[in-house]
Amino acid sequence: MSYVLSIGLPVLGLVLLIGALSVPYRALRRFRTVRAQALEDVGERSGLLKARMAGLRVALDERRHRPIH
């Protein structure tokens, strides 16, 4: 009977350990997904901002160099 306890208790401990570690692992996975989405969104928005700034520069340069009639 003692061999059942010597095998069963470590197995039970491993099951509990895996259960306890799965919660932070899932949270970390969700965090990484949200972080990746946020970085993608920020990159996209900064690209749009750079394009708008470039368009404004072109418009200002055209306005400065337009001959006055």
Protein backbone atom coordinates (compact mmCIF):
# COMPACT_ATOMS: atom_id res chain seq x y z
CA MET A 1 0.00 0.00 0.00
CA SER A 2 2.88 2.42 0.66
CA TYR A 3 4.07 2.06 -2.95
CA VAL A 4 0.68 3.45 -4.08
CA LEU A 5 1.27 6.55 -1.97
CA SER A 6 4.86 6.89 -3.14
CA ILE A 7 3.67 6.87 -6.76
CA GLY A 8 0.33 8.63 -6.30
CA LEU A 9 1.48 11.65 -4.33
CA PRO A 10 4.14 12.77 -6.83
CA VAL A 11 1.67 12.24 -9.69
CA LEU A 12 -0.94 14.29 -7.83
CA GLY A 13 1.69 16.96 -7.16
CA LEU A 14 2.59 17.12 -10.84
CA VAL A 15 -1.05 17.42 -11.84
CA LEU A 16 -1.57 20.25 -9.37
CA LEU A 17 1.63 21.97 -10.50
CA ILE A 18 0.62 21.78 -14.15
CA GLY A 19 -2.82 23.13 -13.27
CA ALA A 20 -1.33 25.99 -11.28
CA LEU A 21 1.14 26.91 -14.04
CA SER A 22 -1.44 26.79 -16.83
CA VAL A 23 -3.24 29.92 -15.55
CA PRO A 24 -0.22 32.26 -15.80
CA TYR A 25 0.77 30.64 -19.10
CA ARG A 26 -2.64 31.43 -20.64
CA ALA A 27 -2.49 34.98 -19.28
CA LEU A 28 0.98 35.44 -20.75
CA ARG A 29 -0.19 34.12 -24.11
CA ARG A 30 -3.14 36.55 -24.11
CA PHE A 31 -0.79 39.40 -23.13
CA ARG A 32 1.56 38.60 -26.02
CA THR A 33 -1.33 38.53 -28.47
CA VAL A 34 -2.68 41.89 -27.29
CA ARG A 35 0.82 43.36 -27.30
CA ALA A 36 1.41 42.23 -30.89
CA GLN A 37 -1.92 43.74 -31.98
CA ALA A 38 -1.12 47.01 -30.22
CA LEU A 39 2.33 47.24 -31.81
CA GLU A 40 0.83 46.54 -35.22
CA ASP A 41 -1.79 49.25 -34.71
CA VAL A 42 0.78 51.80 -33.56
CA GLY A 43 3.01 50.98 -36.53
CA GLU A 44 0.11 51.37 -38.91
CA ARG A 45 -0.95 54.68 -37.41
CA SER A 46 2.59 56.05 -37.43
CA GLY A 47 2.89 55.09 -41.10
CA LEU A 48 -0.30 56.99 -41.90
CA LEU A 49 0.98 59.98 -39.94
CA LYS A 50 4.28 59.94 -41.86
CA ALA A 51 2.37 59.82 -45.15
CA ARG A 52 0.23 62.81 -44.11
CA MET A 53 3.32 64.77 -43.08
CA ALA A 54 4.98 64.02 -46.41
CA GLY A 55 1.85 65.19 -48.24
CA LEU A 56 1.84 68.43 -46.26
CA ARG A 57 5.51 69.01 -47.03
CA VAL A 58 4.87 68.55 -50.75
CA ALA A 59 1.87 70.89 -50.63
CA LEU A 60 3.85 73.55 -48.76
CA ASP A 61 6.80 73.26 -51.15
CA GLU A 62 4.47 73.63 -54.12
CA ARG A 63 2.86 76.67 -52.55
CA ARG A 64 6.20 78.31 -51.77
CA HIS A 65 7.59 77.78 -55.26
CA ARG A 66 4.45 78.75 -57.19
CA PRO A 67 5.00 81.91 -59.20
CA ILE A 68 2.81 84.87 -58.26
CA HIS A 69 0.79 86.31 -61.18
